[in-house]
């Protein structure tokens, strides 16, 4: 069985139907809960290497695009504009995590 999150774009995320968190993900890095849920695009965000995963309701998805912009392009922009030498918590991940907001 494949336990990887389903690909989803921000405008295609289905409403959660009370599903539990995805099995087999206990070893993934910490989940970041939004401070202000009124402007946050997702319930939570976490990273699996350089792949951003987002929680909608209680279901995790791999982000493939946000507002029509491919996730890879967003990540590359952040890497180019927010270089950081911290390999554990790079600044570009923080920017991607905190700067995607619902309009």
C-alpha atoms as a PDB file:
ATOM      1  CA  UNK A   1       0.000   0.000   0.000  1.00  0.00           C
ATOM      2  CA  UNK A   2       1.286   3.460  -0.896  1.00  0.00           C
ATOM      3  CA  UNK A   3       1.192   5.788   2.148  1.00  0.00           C
ATOM      4  CA  UNK A   4       2.343   8.906   0.312  1.00  0.00           C
ATOM      5  CA  UNK A   5       0.021  11.915   0.333  1.00  0.00           C
ATOM      6  CA  UNK A   6      -2.200  12.587  -2.640  1.00  0.00           C
ATOM      7  CA  UNK A   7      -1.178  15.439  -4.960  1.00  0.00           C
ATOM      8  CA  UNK A   8      -3.473  18.442  -4.694  1.00  0.00           C
ATOM      9  CA  UNK A   9      -3.553  22.061  -5.707  1.00  0.00           C
ATOM     10  CA  UNK A  10      -4.760  24.636  -3.202  1.00  0.00           C
ATOM     11  CA  UNK A  11      -7.960  25.246  -5.160  1.00  0.00           C
ATOM     12  CA  UNK A  12      -8.693  21.518  -5.591  1.00  0.00           C
ATOM     13  CA  UNK A  13      -8.359  20.400  -1.984  1.00  0.00           C
ATOM     14  CA  UNK A  14     -11.447  18.431  -1.033  1.00  0.00           C
ATOM     15  CA  UNK A  15     -13.065  19.050   2.321  1.00  0.00           C
ATOM     16  CA  UNK A  16     -11.893  16.572   4.915  1.00  0.00           C
ATOM     17  CA  UNK A  17     -14.360  13.874   5.842  1.00  0.00           C
ATOM     18  CA  UNK A  18     -12.996  13.267   9.347  1.00  0.00           C
ATOM     19  CA  UNK A  19     -10.198  11.003   8.147  1.00  0.00           C
ATOM     20  CA  UNK A  20      -7.353  10.364  10.572  1.00  0.00           C
ATOM     21  CA  UNK A  21      -3.840  11.615   9.872  1.00  0.00           C
ATOM     22  CA  UNK A  22      -2.135   9.623   7.166  1.00  0.00           C
ATOM     23  CA  UNK A  23      -0.667   6.359   8.526  1.00  0.00           C
ATOM     24  CA  UNK A  24       3.067   5.813   8.363  1.00  0.00           C
ATOM     25  CA  UNK A  25       4.077   9.443   8.726  1.00  0.00           C
ATOM     26  CA  UNK A  26       5.182   9.546  12.361  1.00  0.00           C
ATOM     27  CA  UNK A  27       8.818   9.915  11.292  1.00  0.00           C
ATOM     28  CA  UNK A  28       8.201  13.049   9.204  1.00  0.00           C
ATOM     29  CA  UNK A  29       9.366  16.430  10.541  1.00  0.00           C
ATOM     30  CA  UNK A  30       7.193  18.524  12.780  1.00  0.00           C
ATOM     31  CA  UNK A  31       3.887  19.939  11.674  1.00  0.00           C
ATOM     32  CA  UNK A  32       3.513  23.705  11.675  1.00  0.00           C
ATOM     33  CA  UNK A  33       0.091  24.949  12.712  1.00  0.00           C
ATOM     34  CA  UNK A  34      -0.952  28.391  11.426  1.00  0.00           C
ATOM     35  CA  UNK A  35      -1.068  31.170  14.004  1.00  0.00           C
ATOM     36  CA  UNK A  36      -4.021  32.856  12.314  1.00  0.00           C
ATOM     37  CA  UNK A  37      -6.409  30.368  10.699  1.00  0.00           C
ATOM     38  CA  UNK A  38      -8.353  33.184   9.006  1.00  0.00           C
ATOM     39  CA  UNK A  39      -5.498  33.856   6.589  1.00  0.00           C
ATOM     40  CA  UNK A  40      -3.750  30.478   6.521  1.00  0.00           C
ATOM     41  CA  UNK A  41      -4.161  28.554   3.299  1.00  0.00           C
ATOM     42  CA  UNK A  42      -4.007  25.168   5.055  1.00  0.00           C
ATOM     43  CA  UNK A  43      -4.643  23.695   8.509  1.00  0.00           C
ATOM     44  CA  UNK A  44      -0.969  22.714   8.821  1.00  0.00           C
ATOM     45  CA  UNK A  45       2.204  22.286   6.772  1.00  0.00           C
ATOM     46  CA  UNK A  46       5.082  19.828   7.020  1.00  0.00           C
ATOM     47  CA  UNK A  47       8.056  18.918   4.883  1.00  0.00           C
ATOM     48  CA  UNK A  48       9.247  15.583   3.540  1.00  0.00           C
ATOM     49  CA  UNK A  49      12.686  16.585   2.287  1.00  0.00           C
ATOM     50  CA  UNK A  50      11.934  19.292  -0.280  1.00  0.00           C
ATOM     51  CA  UNK A  51       8.300  18.266  -0.795  1.00  0.00           C
ATOM     52  CA  UNK A  52       5.761  20.405   1.007  1.00  0.00           C
ATOM     53  CA  UNK A  53       2.790  18.572   2.460  1.00  0.00           C
ATOM     54  CA  UNK A  54      -0.339  20.394   3.559  1.00  0.00           C
ATOM     55  CA  UNK A  55      -3.224  19.366   5.782  1.00  0.00           C
ATOM     56  CA  UNK A  56      -6.776  20.155   4.755  1.00  0.00           C
ATOM     57  CA  UNK A  57      -9.120  19.202   7.583  1.00  0.00           C
ATOM     58  CA  UNK A  58      -7.416  16.096   8.920  1.00  0.00           C
ATOM     59  CA  UNK A  59      -6.080  14.737   5.609  1.00  0.00           C
ATOM     60  CA  UNK A  60      -2.525  15.311   4.347  1.00  0.00           C
ATOM     61  CA  UNK A  61      -1.761  16.093   0.686  1.00  0.00           C
ATOM     62  CA  UNK A  62       1.378  16.783  -1.314  1.00  0.00           C
ATOM     63  CA  UNK A  63       1.175  20.343  -2.603  1.00  0.00           C
ATOM     64  CA  UNK A  64       1.603  20.421  -6.383  1.00  0.00           C
ATOM     65  CA  UNK A  65       0.478  24.017  -7.037  1.00  0.00           C
ATOM     66  CA  UNK A  66      -0.807  27.086  -5.211  1.00  0.00           C
ATOM     67  CA  UNK A  67      -3.036  29.595  -6.987  1.00  0.00           C
ATOM     68  CA  UNK A  68      -1.930  28.121 -10.323  1.00  0.00           C
ATOM     69  CA  UNK A  69       1.796  28.317  -9.559  1.00  0.00           C
ATOM     70  CA  UNK A  70       3.597  24.945  -9.448  1.00  0.00           C
ATOM     71  CA  UNK A  71       4.989  24.089  -6.008  1.00  0.00           C
ATOM     72  CA  UNK A  72       8.430  23.505  -7.507  1.00  0.00           C
ATOM     73  CA  UNK A  73       8.473  27.055  -8.861  1.00  0.00           C
ATOM     74  CA  UNK A  74       7.461  28.477  -5.463  1.00  0.00           C
ATOM     75  CA  UNK A  75      10.173  26.459  -3.727  1.00  0.00           C
ATOM     76  CA  UNK A  76      12.836  27.471  -6.259  1.00  0.00           C
ATOM     77  CA  UNK A  77      11.896  31.146  -5.877  1.00  0.00           C
ATOM     78  CA  UNK A  78      12.266  30.861  -2.103  1.00  0.00           C
ATOM     79  CA  UNK A  79      15.626  29.083  -2.417  1.00  0.00           C
ATOM     80  CA  UNK A  80      16.909  31.759  -4.794  1.00  0.00           C
ATOM     81  CA  UNK A  81      15.710  34.688  -2.659  1.00  0.00           C
ATOM     82  CA  UNK A  82      16.231  33.343   0.866  1.00  0.00           C
ATOM     83  CA  UNK A  83      19.536  31.466   0.862  1.00  0.00           C
ATOM     84  CA  UNK A  84      20.462  29.989   4.192  1.00  0.00           C
ATOM     85  CA  UNK A  85      23.278  27.865   5.517  1.00  0.00           C
ATOM     86  CA  UNK A  86      21.139  26.028   8.089  1.00  0.00           C
ATOM     87  CA  UNK A  87      20.645  22.538   6.619  1.00  0.00           C
ATOM     88  CA  UNK A  88      18.080  21.500   9.259  1.00  0.00           C
ATOM     89  CA  UNK A  89      15.713  24.488   9.138  1.00  0.00           C
ATOM     90  CA  UNK A  90      16.547  26.521   6.035  1.00  0.00           C
ATOM     91  CA  UNK A  91      15.048  29.987   5.749  1.00  0.00           C
ATOM     92  CA  UNK A  92      13.504  29.190   2.346  1.00  0.00           C
ATOM     93  CA  UNK A  93      11.311  26.491   3.942  1.00  0.00           C
ATOM     94  CA  UNK A  94      10.151  28.959   6.581  1.00  0.00           C
ATOM     95  CA  UNK A  95       9.252  31.508   3.901  1.00  0.00           C
ATOM     96  CA  UNK A  96       7.283  28.970   1.857  1.00  0.00           C
ATOM     97  CA  UNK A  97       5.553  27.655   4.972  1.00  0.00           C
ATOM     98  CA  UNK A  98       4.589  31.038   6.393  1.00  0.00           C
ATOM     99  CA  UNK A  99       4.018  33.121   3.269  1.00  0.00           C
ATOM    100  CA  UNK A 100       1.335  31.099   1.452  1.00  0.00           C
ATOM    101  CA  UNK A 101      -1.918  32.726   2.564  1.00  0.00           C
ATOM    102  CA  UNK A 102      -5.476  32.491   1.388  1.00  0.00           C
ATOM    103  CA  UNK A 103      -6.661  35.618  -0.402  1.00  0.00           C
END
